[in-house]
Amino acid sequence: MARYKVIPTKTNLLRLKRERSFAQEGYDLLEQKRKILVLELMQLMDKTVEAQDTMEKSLSIAFRSLEQTVLAMGRRSLQSAAMSVKVEADLTVSVRRLMGVNIPQVKLDIRDQLPSFSLEETSFWIDESISRFKGVLADLGKLAEMRVSLIRISEEVRKTMHRVNALEKIAIPDYNESIKYIEDVLEENEREMFATLKLVKEGLERRKG
């Protein structure tokens, strides 16, 4: 029995066929969207892993530079010199759209002023450390962009797959079932009508005879 409780009329049959056509079009579009998002997701996963590795390597190198700075200058001298280091970072986040998903684009503008410490009293390792940690900030910005994008696309893939499954396994089969039910009833009615007309015709012919 059809899940859609409808009166088996030609009007309802035409309406359900139109609605099934719209549902099929929606399914095709969503399936195309799902494929595009899954492809983007797979590529983004590779990029995120690469960005994670790059950030971890940059951080490791930066801390090794800092250790060398401590060995060359001593903690107290380094702390004193660090007071004159001024680094500012401006974070700008814009958005691009991908199949209805807001994908962040992170831009990190790092500015620093020339330190006021004496070059004779410091080691070149302090400049190396500053440069390395600035690089870490840039890598962190890129990694944050990748991870947020990954989360948003993953969620959209999940929602899209849910809608695709609902159309494929519930809505469209229900339409098919309802349409077949109405077609069967109308066909049976036509057969009964034909049989009735045939009996009437035969009765009239007998009377004429």
Protein backbone atom coordinates (compact mmCIF):
# COMPACT_ATOMS: atom_id res chain seq x y z
CA MET A 1 0.00 0.00 0.00
CA ALA A 2 1.29 3.47 -0.83
CA ARG A 3 2.74 5.48 1.98
CA TYR A 4 1.26 8.66 0.53
CA LYS A 5 -2.41 8.61 1.39
CA VAL A 6 -3.85 10.09 -1.79
CA ILE A 7 -7.04 9.68 -3.71
CA PRO A 8 -6.30 7.69 -6.87
CA THR A 9 -7.22 10.29 -9.48
CA LYS A 10 -5.47 11.40 -12.68
CA THR A 11 -4.97 14.86 -11.17
CA ASN A 12 -3.11 13.43 -8.19
CA LEU A 13 -1.16 11.14 -10.50
CA LEU A 14 0.10 14.10 -12.56
CA ARG A 15 0.91 16.05 -9.39
CA LEU A 16 2.92 13.22 -7.87
CA LYS A 17 4.83 12.70 -11.11
CA ARG A 18 5.79 16.39 -11.13
CA GLU A 19 6.87 16.22 -7.49
CA ARG A 20 8.87 13.05 -8.16
CA SER A 21 10.59 14.82 -11.05
CA PHE A 22 11.56 17.71 -8.75
CA ALA A 23 12.78 15.25 -6.11
CA GLN A 24 14.89 13.45 -8.71
CA GLU A 25 16.40 16.75 -9.89
CA GLY A 26 17.17 17.64 -6.27
CA TYR A 27 18.77 14.25 -5.76
CA ASP A 28 20.96 14.66 -8.86
CA LEU A 29 22.11 18.12 -7.76
CA LEU A 30 22.83 17.00 -4.21
CA GLU A 31 24.72 13.95 -5.44
CA GLN A 32 26.86 16.19 -7.65
CA LYS A 33 27.44 18.52 -4.70
CA ARG A 34 28.41 15.57 -2.49
CA LYS A 35 30.99 14.35 -5.00
CA ILE A 36 32.55 17.82 -5.33
CA LEU A 37 32.68 18.30 -1.56
CA VAL A 38 34.17 14.85 -0.95
CA LEU A 39 36.87 15.53 -3.55
CA GLU A 40 37.61 18.89 -1.91
CA LEU A 41 37.63 17.23 1.50
CA MET A 42 40.17 14.60 0.44
CA GLN A 43 42.48 17.25 -1.02
CA LEU A 44 42.09 19.43 2.06
CA MET A 45 42.93 16.53 4.37
CA ASP A 46 46.26 16.08 2.58
CA LYS A 47 46.96 19.81 2.77
CA THR A 48 46.07 19.89 6.48
CA VAL A 49 48.44 17.03 7.27
CA GLU A 50 51.16 18.82 5.32
CA ALA A 51 50.45 22.10 7.13
CA GLN A 52 50.56 20.29 10.49
CA ASP A 53 53.93 18.75 9.66
CA THR A 54 55.29 22.11 8.47
CA MET A 55 54.14 23.86 11.65
CA GLU A 56 55.63 21.19 13.92
CA LYS A 57 58.96 21.32 12.10
CA SER A 58 59.01 25.12 12.22
CA LEU A 59 58.23 25.06 15.93
CA SER A 60 60.95 22.50 16.60
CA ILE A 61 63.54 24.57 14.72
CA ALA A 62 62.40 27.74 16.48
CA PHE A 63 62.85 26.17 19.93
CA ARG A 64 66.28 24.86 18.97
CA SER A 65 67.23 28.40 17.96
CA LEU A 66 65.95 29.64 21.31
CA GLU A 67 68.03 27.03 23.13
CA GLN A 68 71.12 28.19 21.25
CA THR A 69 70.28 31.77 22.18
CA VAL A 70 70.08 30.83 25.86
CA LEU A 71 73.43 29.02 25.65
CA ALA A 72 75.06 31.96 23.90
CA MET A 73 73.64 34.78 26.03
CA GLY A 74 72.35 33.30 29.27
CA ARG A 75 68.78 33.54 30.55
CA ARG A 76 69.09 36.94 32.22
CA SER A 77 70.65 38.64 29.21
CA LEU A 78 68.06 37.04 26.96
CA GLN A 79 65.20 38.17 29.17
CA SER A 80 66.57 41.71 29.20
CA ALA A 81 66.98 41.74 25.41
CA ALA A 82 63.51 40.24 24.91
CA MET A 83 61.96 43.27 26.60
CA SER A 84 62.95 45.41 23.61
CA VAL A 85 61.56 43.03 21.00
CA LYS A 86 58.21 44.27 19.67
CA VAL A 87 56.32 42.03 17.26
CA GLU A 88 52.71 42.71 16.25
CA ALA A 89 50.43 40.45 14.23
CA ASP A 90 47.26 41.58 12.46
CA LEU A 91 44.90 38.74 11.63
CA THR A 92 42.43 39.19 8.78
CA VAL A 93 39.86 36.50 8.03
CA SER A 94 37.91 36.61 4.79
CA VAL A 95 35.45 34.06 3.41
CA ARG A 96 35.08 32.26 0.11
CA ARG A 97 32.07 30.16 -0.83
CA LEU A 98 32.31 26.53 -1.92
CA MET A 99 29.01 24.84 -2.75
CA GLY A 100 27.25 26.93 -0.12
CA VAL A 101 29.96 26.45 2.53
CA ASN A 102 31.82 29.41 4.05
CA ILE A 103 35.52 28.63 3.80
CA PRO A 104 37.84 30.95 5.82
CA GLN A 105 40.91 32.52 4.31
CA VAL A 106 43.41 33.68 6.93
CA LYS A 107 45.87 36.47 6.24
CA LEU A 108 48.49 37.19 8.90
CA ASP A 109 50.41 40.44 8.70
CA ILE A 110 53.42 40.33 11.03
CA ARG A 111 55.20 43.58 11.82
CA ASP A 112 58.19 44.15 14.08
CA GLN A 113 60.29 47.13 15.03
CA LEU A 114 64.06 47.13 15.12
CA PRO A 115 65.08 46.00 18.61
CA SER A 116 66.88 48.53 20.77
CA PHE A 117 69.31 46.06 22.32
CA SER A 118 73.02 46.35 21.59
CA LEU A 119 74.34 44.01 18.91
CA GLU A 120 77.61 43.68 20.81
CA GLU A 121 75.83 42.37 23.89
CA THR A 122 73.66 39.84 22.06
CA SER A 123 74.13 36.85 19.81
CA PHE A 124 73.01 36.43 16.22
CA TRP A 125 70.92 33.53 17.58
CA ILE A 126 68.42 35.98 19.02
CA ASP A 127 67.70 37.34 15.53
CA GLU A 128 67.44 33.79 14.28
CA SER A 129 64.97 32.94 17.05
CA ILE A 130 62.81 35.99 16.31
CA SER A 131 62.71 35.09 12.63
CA ARG A 132 61.88 31.46 13.34
CA PHE A 133 59.02 32.24 15.73
CA LYS A 134 57.58 34.72 13.25
CA GLY A 135 57.54 31.86 10.77
CA VAL A 136 55.73 29.70 13.32
CA LEU A 137 53.00 32.35 13.63
CA ALA A 138 52.50 32.31 9.85
CA ASP A 139 52.36 28.51 9.84
CA LEU A 140 49.82 28.50 12.67
CA GLY A 141 47.58 30.90 10.73
CA LYS A 142 47.69 28.61 7.70
CA LEU A 143 47.01 25.52 9.82
CA ALA A 144 44.04 27.20 11.52
CA GLU A 145 42.60 28.04 8.09
CA MET A 146 42.96 24.43 6.99
CA ARG A 147 41.45 22.92 10.13
CA VAL A 148 38.39 25.19 10.21
CA SER A 149 37.82 24.53 6.50
CA LEU A 150 38.12 20.80 7.12
CA ILE A 151 35.53 20.91 9.91
CA ARG A 152 33.04 22.96 7.88
CA ILE A 153 33.33 20.88 4.72
CA SER A 154 33.08 17.63 6.74
CA GLU A 155 29.87 18.88 8.35
CA GLU A 156 28.42 19.90 4.97
CA VAL A 157 29.31 16.50 3.49
CA ARG A 158 27.49 14.84 6.38
CA LYS A 159 24.37 16.99 5.86
CA THR A 160 24.43 16.48 2.09
CA MET A 161 24.76 12.70 2.44
CA HIS A 162 21.83 12.70 4.87
CA ARG A 163 19.66 14.57 2.33
CA VAL A 164 20.81 12.35 -0.54
CA ASN A 165 19.95 9.22 1.46
CA ALA A 166 16.57 10.64 2.47
CA LEU A 167 15.66 11.30 -1.17
CA GLU A 168 17.11 8.04 -2.48
CA LYS A 169 15.78 5.68 0.18
CA ILE A 170 12.58 7.40 1.36
CA ALA A 171 11.12 10.22 -0.73
CA ILE A 172 11.63 8.91 -4.27
CA PRO A 173 10.60 5.30 -3.42
CA ASP A 174 7.49 6.70 -1.70
CA TYR A 175 6.61 8.68 -4.83
CA ASN A 176 7.19 5.59 -6.98
CA GLU A 177 5.00 3.50 -4.70
CA SER A 178 2.21 6.08 -4.67
CA ILE A 179 2.33 6.57 -8.44
CA LYS A 180 2.20 2.82 -9.04
CA TYR A 181 -0.72 2.52 -6.61
CA ILE A 182 -2.71 5.19 -8.45
CA GLU A 183 -1.82 3.79 -11.87
CA ASP A 184 -2.93 0.30 -10.78
CA VAL A 185 -6.23 1.63 -9.41
CA LEU A 186 -6.91 3.71 -12.54
CA GLU A 187 -6.03 0.76 -14.77
CA GLU A 188 -8.38 -1.48 -12.79
CA ASN A 189 -11.12 1.14 -13.02
CA GLU A 190 -10.63 1.34 -16.78
CA ARG A 191 -10.89 -2.44 -17.10
CA GLU A 192 -14.08 -2.44 -15.02
CA MET A 193 -15.48 0.41 -17.08
CA PHE A 194 -14.60 -1.40 -20.31
CA ALA A 195 -16.22 -4.59 -19.05
CA THR A 196 -19.33 -2.69 -18.00
CA LEU A 197 -19.61 -0.95 -21.37
CA LYS A 198 -19.15 -4.29 -23.11
CA LEU A 199 -21.99 -5.82 -21.10
CA VAL A 200 -24.22 -2.83 -21.81
CA LYS A 201 -23.42 -3.07 -25.52
CA GLU A 202 -24.15 -6.78 -25.58
CA GLY A 203 -27.45 -6.20 -23.74
CA LEU A 204 -28.50 -3.54 -26.23
CA GLU A 205 -27.60 -5.80 -29.14
CA ARG A 206 -29.68 -8.62 -27.66
CA ARG A 207 -32.66 -6.30 -27.28
CA LYS A 208 -32.34 -5.16 -30.86
CA GLY A 209 -32.21 -8.78 -31.96
